[in-house]
Protein backbone atom coordinates (compact mmCIF):
# COMPACT_ATOMS: atom_id res chain seq x y z
CA MET A 1 15.15 0.67 -7.91
CA LEU A 2 14.26 4.75 -6.80
CA ILE A 3 15.83 5.88 -10.20
CA ARG A 4 13.36 3.44 -11.70
CA LEU A 5 10.34 4.06 -9.78
CA MET A 6 10.86 7.86 -10.48
CA ARG A 7 11.02 7.37 -14.23
CA MET A 8 8.08 5.28 -14.23
CA PHE A 9 5.68 7.83 -12.42
CA LEU A 10 7.83 10.88 -13.53
CA ALA A 11 7.55 10.94 -17.05
CA ARG A 12 4.30 12.25 -17.32
CA TYR A 13 5.06 15.50 -15.54
CA ARG A 14 7.86 16.66 -17.97
CA GLY A 15 6.21 20.31 -18.49
CA TYR A 16 6.33 20.84 -14.59
CA LEU A 17 10.02 19.27 -14.71
CA THR A 18 11.16 21.73 -17.64
CA ALA A 19 10.06 24.36 -15.65
CA VAL A 20 11.57 22.94 -12.30
CA VAL A 21 14.99 23.30 -14.43
CA VAL A 22 14.30 26.34 -15.84
CA LEU A 23 13.69 28.16 -12.51
CA GLN A 24 16.71 26.44 -10.80
CA ALA A 25 19.15 27.10 -13.43
CA ILE A 26 17.72 30.99 -13.25
CA GLN A 27 17.87 30.84 -9.69
CA ALA A 28 21.61 29.49 -9.50
CA PHE A 29 23.29 31.72 -12.41
CA ALA A 30 21.70 34.76 -10.38
CA THR A 31 22.82 33.06 -7.33
CA LEU A 32 26.42 33.24 -8.73
CA PHE A 33 26.12 36.79 -10.21
CA LEU A 34 25.53 38.41 -7.17
CA PRO A 35 29.20 38.17 -5.43
CA SER A 36 30.61 39.66 -8.57
CA LEU A 37 28.62 42.45 -8.31
CA THR A 38 29.67 42.87 -4.73
CA ALA A 39 32.99 42.88 -5.60
CA ASP A 40 32.86 45.52 -8.26
CA ILE A 41 30.73 47.96 -5.74
CA ILE A 42 33.79 47.71 -3.46
CA ASP A 43 36.19 47.72 -5.89
CA LYS A 44 34.79 50.46 -8.14
CA GLY A 45 32.42 52.29 -5.84
CA VAL A 46 33.45 52.35 -2.27
CA LEU A 47 37.14 52.41 -2.44
CA THR A 48 37.06 55.21 -5.33
CA GLY A 49 34.06 56.87 -3.68
CA ASP A 50 31.52 56.92 -7.02
CA LYS A 51 28.72 56.94 -5.71
CA ASP A 52 27.15 56.74 -9.29
CA TYR A 53 28.69 53.38 -10.07
CA ILE A 54 27.28 52.35 -6.26
CA TRP A 55 23.63 52.85 -7.04
CA SER A 56 23.79 51.83 -10.38
CA THR A 57 25.18 47.96 -9.85
CA GLY A 58 23.23 48.14 -6.38
CA GLY A 59 19.99 48.45 -8.74
CA VAL A 60 21.00 45.71 -10.91
CA MET A 61 21.81 43.59 -7.87
CA LEU A 62 17.95 44.55 -6.45
CA ALA A 63 16.62 43.46 -9.91
CA VAL A 64 18.67 39.87 -9.95
CA THR A 65 17.62 39.39 -6.44
CA PHE A 66 14.35 39.35 -7.58
CA VAL A 67 14.62 37.33 -10.32
CA GLN A 68 16.32 35.13 -7.92
CA VAL A 69 13.51 34.94 -5.32
CA ILE A 70 10.97 35.34 -8.36
CA ALA A 71 12.84 31.59 -9.49
CA ALA A 72 13.05 30.13 -6.34
CA ALA A 73 9.71 30.41 -5.59
CA GLY A 74 8.47 29.14 -9.18
CA ALA A 75 10.81 25.88 -8.67
CA VAL A 76 9.42 25.00 -5.15
CA TYR A 77 6.06 25.90 -6.32
CA PHE A 78 5.82 23.43 -9.49
CA GLY A 79 8.38 21.23 -7.71
CA ALA A 80 5.52 20.39 -5.12
CA LYS A 81 3.04 19.87 -7.65
CA THR A 82 5.15 17.40 -8.97
CA ALA A 83 5.81 15.36 -5.62
CA MET A 84 2.47 15.80 -4.75
CA ALA A 85 1.27 14.35 -8.53
CA PHE A 86 3.69 11.90 -7.97
CA GLY A 87 3.09 10.76 -4.58
CA ARG A 88 -0.84 10.55 -5.34
CA ASP A 89 -0.21 8.13 -8.85
CA VAL A 90 1.91 5.57 -6.93
CA ARG A 91 -0.08 5.46 -3.98
CA SER A 92 -3.29 5.24 -6.81
CA GLY A 93 -0.37 2.59 -8.71
CA LEU A 94 -0.01 0.56 -5.13
CA PHE A 95 -3.80 0.63 -4.36
CA HIS A 96 -4.76 -0.67 -7.89
CA GLN A 97 -2.14 -3.38 -7.54
CA VAL A 98 -2.82 -4.68 -4.34
CA THR A 99 -6.48 -4.85 -5.11
CA GLY A 100 -5.19 -7.46 -7.92
CA PHE A 101 -3.91 -9.55 -5.71
CA SER A 102 -5.15 -12.90 -5.09
CA ALA A 103 -5.59 -14.20 -1.23
CA ARG A 104 -1.68 -15.93 -2.00
CA GLU A 105 -0.13 -12.89 -2.85
CA VAL A 106 -1.68 -10.46 0.06
CA ALA A 107 -0.79 -13.37 2.69
CA GLU A 108 2.48 -13.77 1.32
CA LEU A 109 3.24 -9.56 1.69
CA GLY A 110 1.11 -9.19 4.44
CA ALA A 111 -1.32 -6.64 4.98
CA PRO A 112 0.82 -4.32 7.44
CA SER A 113 3.35 -4.64 5.12
CA LEU A 114 1.12 -3.51 2.41
CA ILE A 115 -0.33 -0.58 4.64
CA THR A 116 3.20 0.16 5.51
CA ARG A 117 4.48 0.42 1.81
CA ILE A 118 1.30 2.31 0.82
CA THR A 119 1.82 5.24 3.02
CA ASN A 120 4.81 5.30 5.07
CA ASP A 121 7.09 4.35 2.09
CA VAL A 122 5.29 6.59 -0.58
CA GLN A 123 5.82 9.44 1.98
CA GLN A 124 9.51 8.91 2.35
CA VAL A 125 9.97 8.79 -1.70
CA GLN A 126 7.82 12.07 -1.64
CA MET A 127 9.71 13.61 0.26
CA PHE A 128 12.93 12.50 -2.32
CA VAL A 129 11.18 14.07 -4.72
CA VAL A 130 10.38 17.03 -3.15
CA MET A 131 13.57 17.83 -1.91
CA MET A 132 14.89 16.66 -5.55
CA CYS A 133 12.80 18.86 -7.75
CA THR A 134 14.06 22.08 -4.83
CA LEU A 135 17.89 21.41 -5.18
CA PHE A 136 18.75 19.17 -7.51
CA ILE A 137 19.50 21.53 -10.54
CA ALA A 138 20.67 24.52 -8.26
CA ALA A 139 22.91 22.71 -6.29
CA PRO A 140 25.32 21.07 -8.50
CA ILE A 141 25.05 24.66 -10.92
CA THR A 142 26.21 26.99 -7.93
CA CYS A 143 28.72 24.03 -6.76
CA VAL A 144 30.65 23.73 -10.56
CA GLY A 145 29.75 27.47 -11.34
CA GLY A 146 30.75 28.80 -8.19
CA ILE A 147 34.37 26.79 -8.03
CA VAL A 148 34.76 27.92 -11.96
CA MET A 149 33.97 31.85 -10.75
CA ALA A 150 36.05 31.38 -7.29
CA MET A 151 39.13 30.65 -9.57
CA ARG A 152 38.42 33.51 -11.68
CA GLU A 153 38.59 35.77 -9.06
CA ASP A 154 41.73 34.42 -7.80
CA LEU A 155 43.44 31.40 -8.95
CA ALA A 156 46.04 31.04 -5.74
CA LEU A 157 43.66 30.74 -3.62
CA SER A 158 41.62 28.06 -5.34
CA TRP A 159 43.80 25.22 -3.78
CA ILE A 160 41.61 25.23 -0.61
CA LEU A 161 38.51 24.10 -2.91
CA THR A 162 40.51 20.85 -3.60
CA VAL A 163 41.21 20.48 -0.44
CA SER A 164 37.63 21.52 1.69
CA ILE A 165 35.38 19.90 -1.19
CA PRO A 166 36.95 16.41 -1.10
CA ALA A 167 37.25 16.32 2.70
CA LEU A 168 33.42 17.65 3.31
CA VAL A 169 32.27 14.79 0.18
CA VAL A 170 34.06 11.92 1.92
CA GLY A 171 33.46 12.75 5.63
CA ILE A 172 29.73 12.79 4.39
CA GLY A 173 29.92 9.61 2.26
CA LEU A 174 30.81 7.84 5.42
CA VAL A 175 28.32 8.58 7.20
CA ILE A 176 25.74 7.88 4.75
CA ALA A 177 27.05 4.32 3.95
CA ARG A 178 26.51 3.71 7.76
CA MET A 179 23.15 4.55 7.52
CA ILE A 180 21.52 2.49 4.68
CA PRO A 181 21.63 -0.36 7.05
CA GLN A 182 19.82 1.51 9.96
CA PHE A 183 16.76 2.92 7.03
CA GLN A 184 16.44 -0.90 6.13
CA GLN A 185 15.95 -1.94 9.44
CA MET A 186 13.86 1.06 10.45
CA GLN A 187 11.01 0.03 7.25
CA ILE A 188 11.21 -3.91 9.06
CA ARG A 189 10.24 -2.19 12.36
CA ILE A 190 7.49 0.20 11.21
CA ASP A 191 5.86 -3.11 9.55
CA ARG A 192 6.21 -4.86 13.01
CA VAL A 193 5.04 -1.93 14.83
CA ASN A 194 1.89 -2.04 12.57
CA GLN A 195 1.35 -5.56 12.68
CA VAL A 196 1.32 -5.77 16.70
CA LEU A 197 -1.10 -2.91 16.68
CA ARG A 198 -3.51 -3.87 14.06
CA GLU A 199 -3.69 -7.03 15.82
CA GLN A 200 -4.27 -6.07 19.36
CA ILE A 201 -6.98 -3.22 17.90
CA THR A 202 -8.63 -6.24 15.69
CA GLY A 203 -8.13 -8.86 18.63
CA ILE A 204 -9.16 -6.41 21.51
CA ARG A 205 -12.06 -8.67 22.55
CA VAL A 206 -9.94 -11.28 23.18
CA VAL A 207 -7.21 -9.52 24.53
CA ARG A 208 -9.50 -7.92 27.65
CA ALA A 209 -11.32 -11.64 27.74
CA PHE A 210 -8.01 -13.14 28.32
CA VAL A 211 -6.63 -10.52 30.77
CA ARG A 212 -3.38 -10.31 28.23
CA GLU A 213 -3.67 -6.56 28.43
CA PRO A 214 -0.38 -6.67 30.06
CA ALA A 215 1.52 -8.95 28.11
CA GLU A 216 0.01 -7.37 24.97
CA THR A 217 1.40 -3.84 25.97
CA GLU A 218 5.11 -5.77 26.99
CA ARG A 219 4.86 -6.98 23.07
CA PHE A 220 3.93 -3.33 21.57
CA ASP A 221 6.85 -1.83 24.10
CA HIS A 222 9.02 -4.07 22.54
CA ALA A 223 8.41 -3.27 18.81
CA ASN A 224 8.20 0.36 19.57
CA THR A 225 11.52 0.17 21.50
CA GLU A 226 13.47 -1.67 18.66
CA LEU A 227 12.00 0.80 16.42
CA THR A 228 12.90 3.82 18.19
CA ASP A 229 16.37 2.15 18.88
CA THR A 230 16.86 1.93 15.37
CA ALA A 231 15.69 5.73 14.53
CA LEU A 232 17.85 6.84 17.37
CA ARG A 233 21.02 5.03 15.99
CA ALA A 234 20.19 6.37 12.23
CA GLY A 235 19.25 9.98 13.87
CA HIS A 236 22.82 10.19 15.75
CA LEU A 237 24.72 9.42 12.10
CA GLN A 238 22.29 11.95 10.85
CA ALA A 239 23.61 14.67 13.71
CA PHE A 240 26.79 13.71 12.82
CA MET A 241 26.56 15.34 8.78
CA PHE A 242 25.63 19.01 10.20
CA PRO A 243 28.70 19.42 12.50
CA ILE A 244 30.82 17.78 9.38
CA VAL A 245 29.48 21.10 7.27
CA VAL A 246 29.94 23.38 9.66
CA ILE A 247 33.54 22.56 10.21
CA VAL A 248 34.51 22.43 7.21
CA LEU A 249 32.98 25.76 6.00
CA ASN A 250 34.25 27.28 9.35
CA VAL A 251 38.04 26.08 8.51
CA SER A 252 37.83 26.87 5.08
CA SER A 253 36.47 30.60 5.75
CA VAL A 254 39.31 31.13 8.03
CA ALA A 255 42.15 29.80 5.33
CA VAL A 256 40.37 32.20 3.01
CA LEU A 257 40.76 35.01 5.42
CA TRP A 258 44.04 33.83 6.22
CA PHE A 259 45.73 33.76 3.17
CA GLY A 260 44.04 35.94 1.33
CA ALA A 261 44.77 38.64 4.04
CA GLY A 262 48.39 37.84 2.95
CA ARG A 263 47.84 38.40 -0.92
CA ILE A 264 46.10 41.96 0.02
CA ASP A 265 48.76 43.33 1.75
CA ALA A 266 51.72 41.82 -1.27
CA GLY A 267 48.88 44.05 -3.39
CA GLN A 268 48.22 41.11 -5.42
CA MET A 269 44.65 41.07 -4.51
CA GLN A 270 41.47 43.37 -4.42
CA ILE A 271 39.05 43.38 -1.25
CA GLY A 272 36.20 43.03 -3.58
CA ALA A 273 37.95 40.02 -4.86
CA LEU A 274 38.34 38.81 -1.26
CA VAL A 275 34.96 38.93 -0.35
CA ALA A 276 33.42 37.51 -3.65
CA PHE A 277 35.91 34.52 -2.80
CA LEU A 278 34.70 34.14 0.54
CA THR A 279 31.45 34.33 -0.72
CA TYR A 280 31.76 31.93 -3.30
CA LEU A 281 33.61 29.35 -1.02
CA SER A 282 30.57 29.74 1.36
CA GLN A 283 27.79 28.78 -1.57
CA ILE A 284 30.08 25.81 -2.80
CA LEU A 285 30.11 24.66 0.75
CA ILE A 286 26.46 25.27 1.45
CA ALA A 287 25.27 24.24 -2.19
CA VAL A 288 27.29 20.67 -0.93
CA MET A 289 25.48 20.86 2.09
CA MET A 290 22.07 21.61 0.50
CA ALA A 291 23.27 17.92 -1.30
CA THR A 292 23.83 16.18 1.91
CA PHE A 293 19.86 16.93 2.69
CA LEU A 294 19.26 15.02 -0.46
CA ALA A 295 21.77 12.56 0.76
CA VAL A 296 20.65 11.88 3.61
CA LEU A 297 16.57 11.08 2.48
CA ALA A 298 18.24 9.04 -0.51
CA PRO A 299 19.00 5.97 1.44
CA ARG A 300 15.80 5.64 3.11
CA ALA A 301 13.63 6.73 -0.18
CA SER A 302 15.75 4.37 -2.01
CA VAL A 303 14.96 1.22 0.57
CA CYS A 304 11.65 2.05 0.24
CA ALA A 305 11.83 2.51 -3.26
CA GLU A 306 12.76 -0.72 -3.26
CA ARG A 307 9.91 -2.05 -1.43
CA ILE A 308 7.52 -0.07 -3.34
CA LEU A 309 8.82 -2.02 -6.60
CA GLU A 310 8.60 -5.20 -4.94
CA VAL A 311 4.62 -4.90 -4.80
CA LEU A 312 4.63 -3.18 -8.41
CA ASP A 313 6.67 -6.40 -9.70
CA THR A 314 4.54 -9.07 -7.83
CA ASP A 315 2.08 -10.35 -10.90
CA THR A 316 -1.52 -11.70 -8.97
CA SER A 317 -1.81 -15.36 -9.60
CA VAL A 318 -5.03 -15.03 -10.78
CA VAL A 319 -4.79 -13.60 -14.31
CA ALA A 320 -7.23 -12.34 -16.50
CA SER A 321 -7.47 -14.43 -19.69
CA PRO A 322 -5.96 -12.60 -22.94
CA THR A 323 -8.93 -13.72 -25.01
CA PRO A 324 -11.59 -14.27 -22.81
CA THR A 325 -14.95 -16.26 -23.60
CA PRO A 326 -17.36 -13.18 -24.47
CA SER A 327 -20.23 -13.14 -21.76
CA ALA A 328 -23.18 -13.26 -24.74
CA GLU A 329 -21.58 -17.00 -25.90
CA ILE A 330 -21.89 -18.26 -22.09
CA PRO A 331 -25.73 -19.05 -21.25
CA ARG A 332 -26.45 -17.92 -17.62
CA ARG A 333 -27.57 -21.33 -16.58
CA GLY A 334 -25.86 -21.50 -13.14
CA SER A 335 -24.18 -24.54 -13.67
CA LEU A 336 -20.76 -25.76 -11.36
CA GLU A 337 -18.45 -28.01 -11.78
CA LEU A 338 -15.28 -29.17 -10.55
CA ARG A 339 -12.70 -31.86 -12.45
CA GLY A 340 -9.79 -33.08 -10.55
CA VAL A 341 -9.27 -29.81 -8.65
CA GLY A 342 -6.28 -29.83 -6.47
CA PHE A 343 -4.89 -26.44 -4.84
CA ASN A 344 -1.63 -26.55 -3.03
CA TYR A 345 -0.15 -22.69 -1.03
CA PRO A 346 3.38 -22.11 -2.27
CA GLY A 347 5.90 -23.65 0.23
CA ALA A 348 3.41 -26.09 1.40
CA GLU A 349 4.62 -29.79 1.96
CA GLU A 350 0.91 -31.22 1.12
CA PRO A 351 -1.97 -30.21 -0.91
CA VAL A 352 -4.67 -28.68 0.73
CA LEU A 353 -6.83 -30.49 -2.03
CA THR A 354 -7.08 -33.45 -4.17
CA ASP A 355 -8.72 -34.36 -7.50
CA VAL A 356 -12.06 -32.89 -6.23
CA SER A 357 -14.89 -33.66 -8.54
CA VAL A 358 -18.03 -32.83 -8.01
CA THR A 359 -20.77 -30.99 -10.46
CA ALA A 360 -23.96 -29.08 -9.35
CA LEU A 361 -26.57 -27.75 -11.01
CA ALA A 362 -29.17 -25.20 -11.08
CA GLY A 363 -31.91 -25.89 -8.61
CA GLN A 364 -29.60 -28.41 -6.37
CA THR A 365 -28.04 -27.32 -3.25
CA THR A 366 -25.33 -28.96 -2.35
CA ALA A 367 -23.76 -29.06 0.97
CA ILE A 368 -19.58 -29.52 1.99
CA ILE A 369 -18.79 -30.79 5.40
CA GLY A 370 -15.78 -31.83 6.99
CA SER A 371 -13.37 -31.42 9.70
CA THR A 372 -11.59 -28.57 10.27
CA GLY A 373 -8.74 -28.29 7.81
CA SER A 374 -9.98 -30.38 5.01
CA GLY A 375 -10.17 -27.79 2.62
CA LYS A 376 -13.72 -26.57 2.55
CA THR A 377 -13.38 -22.77 2.44
CA THR A 378 -10.24 -23.14 0.20
CA LEU A 379 -12.86 -24.94 -2.49
CA LEU A 380 -15.28 -22.69 -2.34
CA ASN A 381 -12.46 -19.82 -2.95
CA LEU A 382 -11.72 -21.46 -6.00
CA VAL A 383 -15.09 -20.15 -7.61
CA PRO A 384 -14.65 -16.65 -7.71
CA ARG A 385 -11.22 -17.04 -8.66
CA LEU A 386 -9.94 -15.75 -4.90
CA PHE A 387 -7.27 -18.32 -5.68
CA ASP A 388 -6.78 -20.23 -8.84
CA ALA A 389 -6.71 -24.19 -8.58
CA THR A 390 -3.11 -25.54 -9.18
CA SER A 391 -4.53 -28.38 -10.84
CA GLY A 392 -7.76 -29.36 -12.81
CA SER A 393 -10.23 -26.70 -13.66
CA VAL A 394 -13.22 -25.32 -12.29
CA LEU A 395 -16.29 -24.47 -14.68
CA VAL A 396 -19.26 -22.56 -14.54
CA ASP A 397 -21.48 -22.50 -17.09
CA GLY A 398 -18.97 -25.24 -19.18
CA VAL A 399 -16.51 -22.42 -19.59
CA ASP A 400 -13.15 -22.80 -17.02
CA VAL A 401 -13.74 -19.59 -14.93
CA ARG A 402 -9.84 -18.16 -16.17
CA ASP A 403 -11.58 -17.99 -19.62
CA PHE A 404 -14.28 -15.92 -18.29
CA GLU A 405 -14.23 -11.73 -18.32
CA PRO A 406 -13.40 -10.98 -14.25
CA GLU A 407 -16.60 -8.89 -14.10
CA ASP A 408 -18.45 -11.46 -15.65
CA LEU A 409 -17.60 -13.92 -13.60
CA TRP A 410 -18.06 -12.23 -10.37
CA ARG A 411 -21.62 -10.83 -11.69
CA ARG A 412 -22.66 -14.59 -11.58
CA VAL A 413 -21.46 -15.44 -8.47
CA GLY A 414 -22.55 -14.17 -4.90
CA LEU A 415 -20.27 -14.94 -1.88
CA VAL A 416 -20.93 -14.81 1.81
CA PRO A 417 -17.46 -15.22 4.03
CA GLN A 418 -16.96 -17.52 6.65
CA ARG A 419 -15.87 -14.29 8.22
CA PRO A 420 -18.85 -11.63 7.36
CA TYR A 421 -17.09 -8.24 6.59
CA LEU A 422 -19.16 -4.78 6.60
CA PHE A 423 -17.94 -1.65 5.41
CA THR A 424 -18.06 2.05 6.51
CA GLY A 425 -21.45 3.78 5.49
CA THR A 426 -25.24 2.61 6.03
CA ILE A 427 -27.15 -0.96 6.36
CA GLY A 428 -28.37 0.22 2.43
CA SER A 429 -24.63 0.96 1.17
CA ASN A 430 -23.47 -2.19 2.28
CA LEU A 431 -26.46 -4.20 0.41
CA ARG A 432 -25.74 -2.17 -2.68
CA PHE A 433 -22.40 -2.98 -2.25
CA ALA A 434 -23.72 -6.10 -4.41
CA ASN A 435 -26.29 -4.36 -6.48
CA PRO A 436 -25.60 -0.56 -6.97
CA GLU A 437 -28.90 -0.54 -8.81
CA ALA A 438 -31.34 -2.62 -6.43
CA SER A 439 -34.21 -0.93 -5.16
CA ASP A 440 -35.40 0.11 -1.58
CA ASP A 441 -38.03 -2.74 -1.90
CA ASP A 442 -35.34 -5.15 -3.57
CA LEU A 443 -33.06 -4.58 -0.01
CA TRP A 444 -36.09 -5.05 2.11
CA GLU A 445 -36.84 -8.48 0.47
CA ALA A 446 -33.57 -9.77 0.58
CA LEU A 447 -33.55 -8.68 4.24
CA GLU A 448 -36.80 -10.61 4.75
CA ILE A 449 -35.31 -13.72 3.61
CA ALA A 450 -32.20 -13.19 5.20
CA GLN A 451 -34.28 -12.66 9.05
CA ALA A 452 -33.00 -9.35 8.95
CA ARG A 453 -36.03 -7.20 8.13
CA ASP A 454 -37.52 -7.40 12.01
CA PHE A 455 -33.93 -5.77 14.05
CA VAL A 456 -32.96 -3.49 10.76
CA SER A 457 -36.99 -1.96 10.95
CA ALA A 458 -36.78 -1.27 14.48
CA LEU A 459 -33.81 1.06 13.98
CA ALA A 460 -34.55 4.24 13.58
CA ASP A 461 -33.37 5.08 10.45
CA GLY A 462 -33.76 1.77 8.86
CA LEU A 463 -31.64 1.36 6.18
CA ASP A 464 -30.11 4.56 6.45
CA THR A 465 -28.54 3.39 9.77
CA PRO A 466 -25.08 4.10 10.10
CA VAL A 467 -22.48 0.93 9.89
CA SER A 468 -18.85 1.57 11.56
CA GLN A 469 -16.06 0.00 10.17
CA GLY A 470 -16.06 -3.89 10.10
CA GLY A 471 -19.85 -3.85 11.28
CA THR A 472 -19.08 -3.74 15.05
CA ASN A 473 -21.66 -1.77 15.87
CA PHE A 474 -23.77 -4.92 15.12
CA SER A 475 -23.46 -8.52 17.08
CA GLY A 476 -22.07 -11.27 14.88
CA GLY A 477 -25.65 -13.31 14.10
CA GLN A 478 -26.76 -9.47 13.02
CA ARG A 479 -23.36 -9.28 10.64
CA GLN A 480 -23.63 -12.78 9.38
CA ARG A 481 -27.36 -11.96 8.11
CA LEU A 482 -26.87 -8.64 6.59
CA ALA A 483 -23.87 -10.31 4.97
CA ILE A 484 -26.34 -13.09 3.70
CA ALA A 485 -28.81 -10.07 2.60
CA ARG A 486 -25.62 -8.56 0.62
CA ALA A 487 -25.53 -11.62 -1.48
CA LEU A 488 -29.08 -11.94 -2.03
CA ALA A 489 -29.61 -8.32 -3.59
CA ARG A 490 -27.16 -9.40 -6.38
CA LYS A 491 -29.50 -12.56 -7.32
CA PRO A 492 -26.60 -14.36 -9.16
CA GLU A 493 -27.19 -17.66 -10.82
CA ILE A 494 -24.72 -19.63 -8.01
CA TYR A 495 -24.58 -19.12 -4.26
CA LEU A 496 -21.56 -19.80 -2.15
CA PHE A 497 -22.47 -19.53 1.66
CA ASP A 498 -19.16 -20.50 3.86
CA ASP A 499 -20.17 -21.19 6.92
CA SER A 500 -22.46 -18.32 6.95
CA PHE A 501 -25.15 -19.32 9.50
CA SER A 502 -22.91 -20.38 12.44
CA ALA A 503 -23.48 -17.70 14.57
CA LEU A 504 -27.58 -18.42 14.15
CA ASP A 505 -29.59 -20.06 16.57
CA LEU A 506 -31.80 -23.20 15.39
CA ALA A 507 -34.78 -21.40 15.34
CA THR A 508 -33.26 -18.61 13.12
CA ASP A 509 -31.40 -20.84 11.10
CA ALA A 510 -34.56 -22.84 10.01
CA ARG A 511 -36.71 -20.09 9.33
CA LEU A 512 -33.64 -18.43 7.27
CA ARG A 513 -33.45 -21.96 5.12
CA ALA A 514 -36.99 -22.26 4.59
CA ALA A 515 -37.19 -18.73 3.21
CA LEU A 516 -34.10 -19.18 1.13
CA GLU A 517 -35.27 -22.08 -0.61
CA PRO A 518 -37.97 -20.93 -3.25
CA TYR A 519 -35.64 -17.70 -3.70
CA THR A 520 -32.79 -19.51 -4.97
CA ALA A 521 -34.81 -22.52 -6.53
CA ASP A 522 -33.23 -21.44 -10.06
CA ALA A 523 -29.99 -21.02 -8.95
CA THR A 524 -26.88 -22.84 -7.66
CA VAL A 525 -26.46 -23.13 -3.96
CA LEU A 526 -22.94 -24.26 -2.55
CA VAL A 527 -22.90 -24.70 1.44
CA VAL A 528 -19.95 -24.74 3.73
CA ALA A 529 -21.65 -26.08 7.06
CA GLN A 530 -21.17 -27.91 10.13
CA ARG A 531 -24.41 -28.60 11.46
CA VAL A 532 -25.83 -32.19 10.17
CA SER A 533 -29.28 -31.46 11.13
CA THR A 534 -29.72 -28.47 8.98
CA ILE A 535 -28.26 -30.40 5.40
CA ARG A 536 -29.90 -33.80 6.22
CA ASN A 537 -32.26 -32.66 3.21
CA PHE A 538 -30.05 -31.20 0.63
CA HIS A 539 -29.85 -32.90 -2.65
CA GLN A 540 -26.00 -33.60 -2.29
CA ILE A 541 -23.28 -33.93 0.73
CA MET A 542 -19.87 -33.66 -0.54
CA VAL A 543 -17.58 -34.92 2.46
CA LEU A 544 -13.87 -34.00 2.34
CA GLU A 545 -11.37 -35.45 4.43
CA ASP A 546 -7.56 -34.18 4.33
CA GLY A 547 -8.32 -32.59 0.58
CA HIS A 548 -10.06 -35.43 -0.62
CA VAL A 549 -13.38 -36.18 -1.62
CA VAL A 550 -14.38 -39.24 0.77
CA GLY A 551 -18.08 -39.11 0.11
CA LEU A 552 -20.41 -37.59 -1.93
CA GLY A 553 -24.75 -38.41 -2.13
CA ARG A 554 -27.52 -37.80 -0.14
CA HIS A 555 -28.03 -38.16 3.85
CA GLU A 556 -29.18 -41.20 3.58
CA ASP A 557 -26.64 -43.11 0.94
CA LEU A 558 -23.80 -41.41 2.92
CA LEU A 559 -24.94 -42.97 6.44
CA GLU A 560 -23.73 -46.41 4.47
CA SER A 561 -21.53 -45.36 2.27
CA CYS A 562 -19.09 -42.99 4.48
CA PRO A 563 -17.45 -43.94 7.67
CA THR A 564 -16.44 -40.35 7.76
CA TYR A 565 -19.90 -38.71 7.26
CA ALA A 566 -21.68 -41.45 9.62
CA GLU A 567 -18.79 -40.66 12.48
CA ILE A 568 -19.80 -36.50 11.82
CA VAL A 569 -23.58 -37.55 12.57
CA ASP A 570 -22.61 -39.69 15.21
CA SER A 571 -20.96 -36.93 17.07
CA GLN A 572 -24.15 -34.83 16.49
CA LEU A 573 -27.44 -36.55 16.42
CA SER A 574 -28.69 -39.59 18.14
CA ALA A 575 -29.70 -42.81 16.27
CA GLN A 576 -33.45 -41.97 16.20
CA GLU A 577 -32.41 -38.21 14.66
CA ALA A 578 -30.25 -39.68 12.22
CA ALA A 579 -32.38 -41.88 11.11
């Protein structure tokens, strides 16, 4: 998974990677060249007293060291640029993939998990790429080259390498094998902490209203403790790796000095060769130790890469048509038709909607009413393709919404969701979210119709008034009216109001509907509503019960023909008001 992810995003940086490979190779060969020069200085210069040789060879060593430093710095520079660009591209790819998801995929993967994958998971893989670009070429060259050079210095001592290197690899391999499950659990625990924290921050008012701070604190402590325990277990295992490296290095060095001293005493080895062999041994084991840094990061990076690829490989259930109907060929009448529409969530036993058929024409206002869970919001979300119907078809201006260019469909629809959401910025930027080309006069007109002009004009900065994330610096009714104004600023052919007047008092609701009627006279309007008093004069009312249409018509007709609607009316209005 990790290799596949790197292939996907590193292919465009072949130039940087080539520079990294070349510079690391130069660094490694320079490192291997220095011990041999050290041996020559000792044997041919120091022991013989040849100062000229010492100076000349020392100068060569300084030049090689300078090349080594420059190559190492260059490799780190290009490696860092590659890794940072890799992280940027993976985050960008994840972001664009997630924004293309329908609500179904977002719900399946979970918002907290998606946030973790775009941030923490990408960071872990990015750290691995940094280490790889720093060590991946230099470490194996140093290791293999060091073995060759050590055997060249003295073949008889090379048996030490055949013992120390396998011992180091086996010891580290056993530790890594036990670390992988811990890293898998760690990412799940991070998801859980993010989920709990996100819920508590978002629902802080509910927590305080029901005095649940102690319980929520305990819930967070539990999730945090689980993450801490998992991280500690992984950390304890990781801590074993460095003592293993140090023990093998020190024992091997002692063995080289012990057996090398005997060979020098017997005249079978030069002092410089022993120093060079000891240096090569250190370089080999340090190269293996550097490889352990990659080995430490690889398991967690692999787990993170698997989670990242899970998002990238998830196809959205709302797919753009390969042969969309050209926008110029679709009339902009604003008509809407649902033909035998059905919808069910994956894994659900019962469908949310079953065989829903209704036609709404331009200039008509259609209300959708029903008990909680009857499928009203789901039905509304099928029009702009937040979901795709699992059966039947949704037609806008006579064309199936699946055959539209997505942008063309969205331009024809103005949606006010059940939960109004405002973005960080200003009132003006939020209203222009729907129509970037809208003038200030257009925005004030939309605010006037949405009954929001009075409170916006009373603010010191008017349209430039800052809006905090989610619009939390405004009341629920103000957020609803601003969300309605945002949809009005778009001037679409179809308006979808998903219970968008619930936070308004009856007087404001009545004024808003009176102002809305002439403004949307040429558009199709669908309203999910709960108050019978506000929809009794609509052109048609659709009554949903358990996902089925049990009534469709005007208020007076439904009172006689639809028992479900009559029950709703009886629960809200007196007999005199109902008539």
